[in-house]
PDB file of N, CA and C in Angstrom:
ATOM      1  N   UNK A   1       0.900  -1.444   0.115  1.00  0.00           N
ATOM      2  CA  UNK A   1      -0.279   0.129   0.221  1.00  0.00           C
ATOM      3  C   UNK A   1       0.721   1.155  -0.212  1.00  0.00           C
ATOM      4  N   UNK A   2       0.597   2.003  -0.896  1.00  0.00           N
ATOM      5  CA  UNK A   2       1.253   3.476  -1.479  1.00  0.00           C
ATOM      6  C   UNK A   2       0.514   4.215   0.652  1.00  0.00           C
ATOM      7  N   UNK A   3       1.991   4.744   0.893  1.00  0.00           N
ATOM      8  CA  UNK A   3       2.345   6.072   1.985  1.00  0.00           C
ATOM      9  C   UNK A   3       1.763   7.281   1.636  1.00  0.00           C
ATOM     10  N   UNK A   4       0.516   7.917   2.098  1.00  0.00           N
ATOM     11  CA  UNK A   4       0.349   9.084   1.450  1.00  0.00           C
ATOM     12  C   UNK A   4       1.522   9.990   2.004  1.00  0.00           C
ATOM     13  N   UNK A   5       2.081  10.931   1.259  1.00  0.00           N
ATOM     14  CA  UNK A   5       2.708  12.127   1.932  1.00  0.00           C
ATOM     15  C   UNK A   5       1.781  13.447   2.103  1.00  0.00           C
ATOM     16  N   UNK A   6       2.521  14.494   2.743  1.00  0.00           N
ATOM     17  CA  UNK A   6       1.851  15.514   2.875  1.00  0.00           C
ATOM     18  C   UNK A   6       1.446  16.325   0.635  1.00  0.00           C
ATOM     19  N   UNK A   7       0.004  16.680   0.671  1.00  0.00           N
ATOM     20  CA  UNK A   7       0.069  17.610  -0.926  1.00  0.00           C
ATOM     21  C   UNK A   7       1.299  18.767  -0.854  1.00  0.00           C
ATOM     22  N   UNK A   8       1.851  18.633  -2.231  1.00  0.00           N
ATOM     23  CA  UNK A   8       2.461  19.716  -2.371  1.00  0.00           C
ATOM     24  C   UNK A   8       2.255  20.841  -2.446  1.00  0.00           C
ATOM     25  N   UNK A   9       0.974  21.246  -2.974  1.00  0.00           N
ATOM     26  CA  UNK A   9       0.198  22.400  -3.265  1.00  0.00           C
ATOM     27  C   UNK A   9      -1.170  22.635  -2.255  1.00  0.00           C
ATOM     28  N   UNK A  10      -0.823  22.482  -1.165  1.00  0.00           N
ATOM     29  CA  UNK A  10      -2.099  22.354   0.208  1.00  0.00           C
ATOM     30  C   UNK A  10      -2.585  23.895   0.267  1.00  0.00           C
ATOM     31  N   UNK A  11      -3.639  23.981   0.481  1.00  0.00           N
ATOM     32  CA  UNK A  11      -4.791  25.265   1.292  1.00  0.00           C
ATOM     33  C   UNK A  11      -4.235  25.507   2.730  1.00  0.00           C
ATOM     34  N   UNK A  12      -3.146  25.940   3.000  1.00  0.00           N
ATOM     35  CA  UNK A  12      -2.808  26.092   4.578  1.00  0.00           C
ATOM     36  C   UNK A  12      -3.721  27.043   5.342  1.00  0.00           C
ATOM     37  N   UNK A  13      -4.106  26.671   6.743  1.00  0.00           N
ATOM     38  CA  UNK A  13      -4.972  27.138   6.909  1.00  0.00           C
ATOM     39  C   UNK A  13      -5.098  28.853   7.071  1.00  0.00           C
ATOM     40  N   UNK A  14      -3.800  29.428   6.772  1.00  0.00           N
ATOM     41  CA  UNK A  14      -3.671  30.890   6.765  1.00  0.00           C
ATOM     42  C   UNK A  14      -4.217  31.065   5.876  1.00  0.00           C
ATOM     43  N   UNK A  15      -4.276  30.728   4.556  1.00  0.00           N
ATOM     44  CA  UNK A  15      -4.391  30.875   3.361  1.00  0.00           C
ATOM     45  C   UNK A  15      -6.059  31.013   3.574  1.00  0.00           C
ATOM     46  N   UNK A  16      -6.565  30.175   3.555  1.00  0.00           N
ATOM     47  CA  UNK A  16      -7.821  30.087   4.318  1.00  0.00           C
ATOM     48  C   UNK A  16      -8.585  31.199   4.886  1.00  0.00           C
ATOM     49  N   UNK A  17      -8.035  31.581   5.843  1.00  0.00           N
ATOM     50  CA  UNK A  17      -8.320  32.622   6.828  1.00  0.00           C
ATOM     51  C   UNK A  17      -8.321  33.682   6.327  1.00  0.00           C
ATOM     52  N   UNK A  18      -7.098  33.908   5.518  1.00  0.00           N
ATOM     53  CA  UNK A  18      -6.961  34.701   4.609  1.00  0.00           C
ATOM     54  C   UNK A  18      -7.701  35.691   3.717  1.00  0.00           C
ATOM     55  N   UNK A  19      -8.718  35.048   2.469  1.00  0.00           N
ATOM     56  CA  UNK A  19      -9.399  34.609   1.549  1.00  0.00           C
ATOM     57  C   UNK A  19     -10.571  34.884   2.141  1.00  0.00           C
ATOM     58  N   UNK A  20     -11.106  34.350   3.522  1.00  0.00           N
ATOM     59  CA  UNK A  20     -12.557  34.094   3.922  1.00  0.00           C
ATOM     60  C   UNK A  20     -12.793  35.628   4.023  1.00  0.00           C
ATOM     61  N   UNK A  21     -12.639  36.869   4.116  1.00  0.00           N
ATOM     62  CA  UNK A  21     -13.092  38.358   3.997  1.00  0.00           C
ATOM     63  C   UNK A  21     -12.930  38.279   2.635  1.00  0.00           C
ATOM     64  N   UNK A  22     -12.391  37.878   1.585  1.00  0.00           N
ATOM     65  CA  UNK A  22     -13.111  38.622  -0.116  1.00  0.00           C
ATOM     66  C   UNK A  22     -14.151  37.412  -0.286  1.00  0.00           C
ATOM     67  N   UNK A  23     -13.959  36.243   0.084  1.00  0.00           N
ATOM     68  CA  UNK A  23     -14.890  35.195  -0.146  1.00  0.00           C
ATOM     69  C   UNK A  23     -16.555  36.145   0.156  1.00  0.00           C
ATOM     70  N   UNK A  24     -16.462  36.432   1.140  1.00  0.00           N
ATOM     71  CA  UNK A  24     -17.628  36.649   2.473  1.00  0.00           C
ATOM     72  C   UNK A  24     -17.977  37.535   1.423  1.00  0.00           C
ATOM     73  N   UNK A  25     -17.277  38.982   1.046  1.00  0.00           N
ATOM     74  CA  UNK A  25     -17.965  40.040   0.532  1.00  0.00           C
ATOM     75  C   UNK A  25     -18.137  39.656  -1.168  1.00  0.00           C
ATOM     76  N   UNK A  26     -17.464  39.008  -1.388  1.00  0.00           N
ATOM     77  CA  UNK A  26     -18.883  38.145  -3.022  1.00  0.00           C
ATOM     78  C   UNK A  26     -19.599  37.726  -2.836  1.00  0.00           C
ATOM     79  N   UNK A  27     -19.615  36.846  -1.643  1.00  0.00           N
ATOM     80  CA  UNK A  27     -20.802  36.003  -1.400  1.00  0.00           C
ATOM     81  C   UNK A  27     -21.479  34.983  -1.951  1.00  0.00           C
ATOM     82  N   UNK A  28     -20.889  33.999  -2.447  1.00  0.00           N
ATOM     83  CA  UNK A  28     -21.021  33.087  -3.265  1.00  0.00           C
ATOM     84  C   UNK A  28     -21.720  31.608  -2.755  1.00  0.00           C
ATOM     85  N   UNK A  29     -22.767  31.272  -3.265  1.00  0.00           N
ATOM     86  CA  UNK A  29     -23.220  29.942  -2.456  1.00  0.00           C
ATOM     87  C   UNK A  29     -22.663  28.367  -2.639  1.00  0.00           C
ATOM     88  N   UNK A  30     -22.022  28.747  -3.760  1.00  0.00           N
ATOM     89  CA  UNK A  30     -21.347  27.889  -3.894  1.00  0.00           C
ATOM     90  C   UNK A  30     -19.895  27.820  -4.286  1.00  0.00           C
ATOM     91  N   UNK A  31     -18.964  27.215  -3.713  1.00  0.00           N
ATOM     92  CA  UNK A  31     -17.181  27.384  -3.967  1.00  0.00           C
ATOM     93  C   UNK A  31     -16.839  25.863  -4.699  1.00  0.00           C
ATOM     94  N   UNK A  32     -16.175  26.271  -5.797  1.00  0.00           N
ATOM     95  CA  UNK A  32     -15.525  24.926  -6.683  1.00  0.00           C
ATOM     96  C   UNK A  32     -13.849  25.140  -6.389  1.00  0.00           C
ATOM     97  N   UNK A  33     -13.109  24.391  -5.665  1.00  0.00           N
ATOM     98  CA  UNK A  33     -11.780  24.262  -6.281  1.00  0.00           C
ATOM     99  C   UNK A  33     -11.619  23.267  -6.895  1.00  0.00           C
ATOM    100  N   UNK A  34     -11.262  23.729  -8.360  1.00  0.00           N
ATOM    101  CA  UNK A  34     -10.785  22.635  -9.865  1.00  0.00           C
ATOM    102  C   UNK A  34      -9.487  21.952  -9.439  1.00  0.00           C
ATOM    103  N   UNK A  35      -8.763  22.404  -8.561  1.00  0.00           N
ATOM    104  CA  UNK A  35      -7.496  21.799  -8.527  1.00  0.00           C
ATOM    105  C   UNK A  35      -7.190  21.584  -6.745  1.00  0.00           C
ATOM    106  N   UNK A  36      -8.027  20.615  -6.191  1.00  0.00           N
ATOM    107  CA  UNK A  36      -8.663  20.463  -4.972  1.00  0.00           C
ATOM    108  C   UNK A  36      -7.618  19.664  -3.757  1.00  0.00           C
ATOM    109  N   UNK A  37      -6.726  18.915  -4.494  1.00  0.00           N
ATOM    110  CA  UNK A  37      -5.671  18.138  -3.581  1.00  0.00           C
ATOM    111  C   UNK A  37      -6.220  17.324  -2.533  1.00  0.00           C
ATOM    112  N   UNK A  38      -6.167  18.067  -1.229  1.00  0.00           N
ATOM    113  CA  UNK A  38      -6.063  16.964  -0.325  1.00  0.00           C
ATOM    114  C   UNK A  38      -7.642  17.570   0.069  1.00  0.00           C
ATOM    115  N   UNK A  39      -8.534  18.792  -0.668  1.00  0.00           N
ATOM    116  CA  UNK A  39      -9.522  19.340   0.133  1.00  0.00           C
ATOM    117  C   UNK A  39      -9.612  20.351   0.878  1.00  0.00           C
ATOM    118  N   UNK A  40      -8.437  21.420   1.346  1.00  0.00           N
ATOM    119  CA  UNK A  40      -8.591  22.101   2.372  1.00  0.00           C
ATOM    120  C   UNK A  40      -9.769  23.092   2.214  1.00  0.00           C
ATOM    121  N   UNK A  41      -9.926  23.364   0.749  1.00  0.00           N
ATOM    122  CA  UNK A  41     -11.075  24.417   0.837  1.00  0.00           C
ATOM    123  C   UNK A  41     -12.182  23.909   1.747  1.00  0.00           C
ATOM    124  N   UNK A  42     -12.464  22.804   1.708  1.00  0.00           N
ATOM    125  CA  UNK A  42     -14.162  22.353   2.609  1.00  0.00           C
ATOM    126  C   UNK A  42     -13.656  22.742   3.667  1.00  0.00           C
ATOM    127  N   UNK A  43     -12.671  23.441   4.661  1.00  0.00           N
ATOM    128  CA  UNK A  43     -12.748  24.183   5.661  1.00  0.00           C
ATOM    129  C   UNK A  43     -13.521  25.184   5.436  1.00  0.00           C
ATOM    130  N   UNK A  44     -14.038  25.313   4.327  1.00  0.00           N
ATOM    131  CA  UNK A  44     -15.030  26.626   4.301  1.00  0.00           C
ATOM    132  C   UNK A  44     -16.452  26.342   4.745  1.00  0.00           C
ATOM    133  N   UNK A  45     -16.675  24.976   4.495  1.00  0.00           N
ATOM    134  CA  UNK A  45     -18.243  24.432   5.281  1.00  0.00           C
ATOM    135  C   UNK A  45     -18.596  24.841   6.431  1.00  0.00           C
ATOM    136  N   UNK A  46     -16.832  25.034   7.209  1.00  0.00           N
ATOM    137  CA  UNK A  46     -17.497  25.247   8.767  1.00  0.00           C
ATOM    138  C   UNK A  46     -17.837  26.426   8.732  1.00  0.00           C
ATOM    139  N   UNK A  47     -17.763  27.582   7.946  1.00  0.00           N
ATOM    140  CA  UNK A  47     -17.936  28.713   8.541  1.00  0.00           C
ATOM    141  C   UNK A  47     -19.523  29.210   7.281  1.00  0.00           C
ATOM    142  N   UNK A  48     -20.081  28.416   7.090  1.00  0.00           N
ATOM    143  CA  UNK A  48     -21.531  28.143   5.969  1.00  0.00           C
ATOM    144  C   UNK A  48     -21.263  28.194   4.522  1.00  0.00           C
ATOM    145  N   UNK A  49     -20.310  27.866   3.967  1.00  0.00           N
ATOM    146  CA  UNK A  49     -20.113  28.023   2.186  1.00  0.00           C
ATOM    147  C   UNK A  49     -20.253  26.624   2.161  1.00  0.00           C
ATOM    148  N   UNK A  50     -21.045  26.156   1.189  1.00  0.00           N
ATOM    149  CA  UNK A  50     -20.720  24.768  -0.005  1.00  0.00           C
ATOM    150  C   UNK A  50     -20.179  24.762  -1.140  1.00  0.00           C
ATOM    151  N   UNK A  51     -19.244  23.912  -0.695  1.00  0.00           N
ATOM    152  CA  UNK A  51     -17.405  23.669  -1.215  1.00  0.00           C
ATOM    153  C   UNK A  51     -17.689  22.017  -2.166  1.00  0.00           C
ATOM    154  N   UNK A  52     -16.820  22.461  -2.963  1.00  0.00           N
ATOM    155  CA  UNK A  52     -16.904  21.291  -3.836  1.00  0.00           C
ATOM    156  C   UNK A  52     -15.584  21.038  -4.896  1.00  0.00           C
ATOM    157  N   UNK A  53     -15.270  20.025  -4.658  1.00  0.00           N
ATOM    158  CA  UNK A  53     -13.638  19.972  -5.442  1.00  0.00           C
ATOM    159  C   UNK A  53     -13.545  19.319  -6.326  1.00  0.00           C
ATOM    160  N   UNK A  54     -12.358  19.253  -6.978  1.00  0.00           N
ATOM    161  CA  UNK A  54     -12.206  18.299  -8.022  1.00  0.00           C
ATOM    162  C   UNK A  54     -10.622  17.884  -8.308  1.00  0.00           C
ATOM    163  N   UNK A  55     -10.498  16.633  -8.262  1.00  0.00           N
ATOM    164  CA  UNK A  55      -9.394  16.259  -8.442  1.00  0.00           C
ATOM    165  C   UNK A  55      -8.286  15.217  -9.159  1.00  0.00           C
ATOM    166  N   UNK A  56      -7.642  15.501  -9.909  1.00  0.00           N
ATOM    167  CA  UNK A  56      -7.301  14.437 -10.985  1.00  0.00           C
ATOM    168  C   UNK A  56      -6.652  13.237 -10.114  1.00  0.00           C
ATOM    169  N   UNK A  57      -5.795  13.190  -8.991  1.00  0.00           N
ATOM    170  CA  UNK A  57      -5.116  12.445  -8.292  1.00  0.00           C
ATOM    171  C   UNK A  57      -5.580  11.527  -7.242  1.00  0.00           C
ATOM    172  N   UNK A  58      -6.216  10.344  -7.352  1.00  0.00           N
ATOM    173  CA  UNK A  58      -7.781   9.730  -6.615  1.00  0.00           C
ATOM    174  C   UNK A  58      -7.280   9.637  -5.314  1.00  0.00           C
ATOM    175  N   UNK A  59      -5.729   9.243  -5.283  1.00  0.00           N
ATOM    176  CA  UNK A  59      -5.310   9.231  -4.042  1.00  0.00           C
ATOM    177  C   UNK A  59      -5.529  10.131  -2.936  1.00  0.00           C
ATOM    178  N   UNK A  60      -5.540  11.637  -3.858  1.00  0.00           N
ATOM    179  CA  UNK A  60      -5.961  12.817  -2.858  1.00  0.00           C
ATOM    180  C   UNK A  60      -7.411  13.093  -2.831  1.00  0.00           C
ATOM    181  N   UNK A  61      -7.908  12.635  -3.878  1.00  0.00           N
ATOM    182  CA  UNK A  61      -9.338  13.445  -4.312  1.00  0.00           C
ATOM    183  C   UNK A  61     -10.078  12.053  -2.631  1.00  0.00           C
ATOM    184  N   UNK A  62      -9.889  10.971  -2.688  1.00  0.00           N
ATOM    185  CA  UNK A  62     -10.760  10.361  -1.803  1.00  0.00           C
ATOM    186  C   UNK A  62     -10.084  10.971  -0.206  1.00  0.00           C
ATOM    187  N   UNK A  63      -9.441  11.910  -0.181  1.00  0.00           N
ATOM    188  CA  UNK A  63      -9.684  12.126   1.819  1.00  0.00           C
ATOM    189  C   UNK A  63     -10.522  13.178   1.673  1.00  0.00           C
ATOM    190  N   UNK A  64     -11.528  13.281   1.057  1.00  0.00           N
ATOM    191  CA  UNK A  64     -12.606  14.579   1.534  1.00  0.00           C
ATOM    192  C   UNK A  64     -13.613  14.233   0.454  1.00  0.00           C
ATOM    193  N   UNK A  65     -15.236  13.611   1.046  1.00  0.00           N
ATOM    194  CA  UNK A  65     -16.315  13.600   0.345  1.00  0.00           C
ATOM    195  C   UNK A  65     -16.649  14.349  -0.463  1.00  0.00           C
ATOM    196  N   UNK A  66     -16.042  15.443   0.033  1.00  0.00           N
ATOM    197  CA  UNK A  66     -16.879  16.518  -1.103  1.00  0.00           C
ATOM    198  C   UNK A  66     -15.780  16.483  -2.848  1.00  0.00           C
ATOM    199  N   UNK A  67     -14.796  16.220  -2.843  1.00  0.00           N
ATOM    200  CA  UNK A  67     -13.844  16.166  -3.821  1.00  0.00           C
ATOM    201  C   UNK A  67     -14.188  14.881  -4.388  1.00  0.00           C
ATOM    202  N   UNK A  68     -14.232  15.104  -5.996  1.00  0.00           N
ATOM    203  CA  UNK A  68     -14.558  13.754  -6.807  1.00  0.00           C
ATOM    204  C   UNK A  68     -13.387  13.962  -7.817  1.00  0.00           C
ATOM    205  N   UNK A  69     -12.770  13.304  -7.864  1.00  0.00           N
ATOM    206  CA  UNK A  69     -11.771  12.998  -9.134  1.00  0.00           C
ATOM    207  C   UNK A  69     -12.319  12.913 -10.460  1.00  0.00           C
ATOM    208  N   UNK A  70     -11.049  13.936 -11.377  1.00  0.00           N
ATOM    209  CA  UNK A  70     -11.752  14.268 -12.465  1.00  0.00           C
ATOM    210  C   UNK A  70     -10.626  15.117 -13.069  1.00  0.00           C
ATOM    211  N   UNK A  71     -10.915  15.775 -14.247  1.00  0.00           N
ATOM    212  CA  UNK A  71      -9.576  16.284 -14.980  1.00  0.00           C
ATOM    213  C   UNK A  71     -10.609  18.051 -15.093  1.00  0.00           C
ATOM    214  N   UNK A  72      -9.973  18.739 -13.957  1.00  0.00           N
ATOM    215  CA  UNK A  72     -10.754  19.818 -13.984  1.00  0.00           C
ATOM    216  C   UNK A  72     -10.589  21.009 -15.637  1.00  0.00           C
ATOM    217  N   UNK A  73      -9.636  20.389 -16.505  1.00  0.00           N
ATOM    218  CA  UNK A  73      -9.111  20.988 -17.633  1.00  0.00           C
ATOM    219  C   UNK A  73     -10.172  20.338 -18.777  1.00  0.00           C
ATOM    220  N   UNK A  74     -11.205  19.292 -18.002  1.00  0.00           N
ATOM    221  CA  UNK A  74     -11.909  19.109 -18.645  1.00  0.00           C
ATOM    222  C   UNK A  74     -13.361  18.328 -18.491  1.00  0.00           C
ATOM    223  N   UNK A  75     -13.851  19.054 -17.992  1.00  0.00           N
ATOM    224  CA  UNK A  75     -15.341  18.976 -17.091  1.00  0.00           C
ATOM    225  C   UNK A  75     -16.506  19.268 -17.801  1.00  0.00           C
ATOM    226  N   UNK A  76     -17.550  18.258 -17.692  1.00  0.00           N
ATOM    227  CA  UNK A  76     -18.519  17.969 -18.167  1.00  0.00           C
ATOM    228  C   UNK A  76     -19.173  19.769 -18.337  1.00  0.00           C
TER     229      UNK A  76
END
């Protein structure tokens, strides 16, 4: 079995906390992270946003039930 390492391009908590005021300002109901990785964007669910993610690599996508495996550059 493959051991997971830390995703190389994750949303850190600091980044999410810093973008939160800007996201609240535009007040979207849904937020899609097209390169979701481990699903850090889903932290925004804790503050009332509906999030979804698309990730090319199954081993990263499976870390959140709100992320699907797919190619964000070729979505239906």
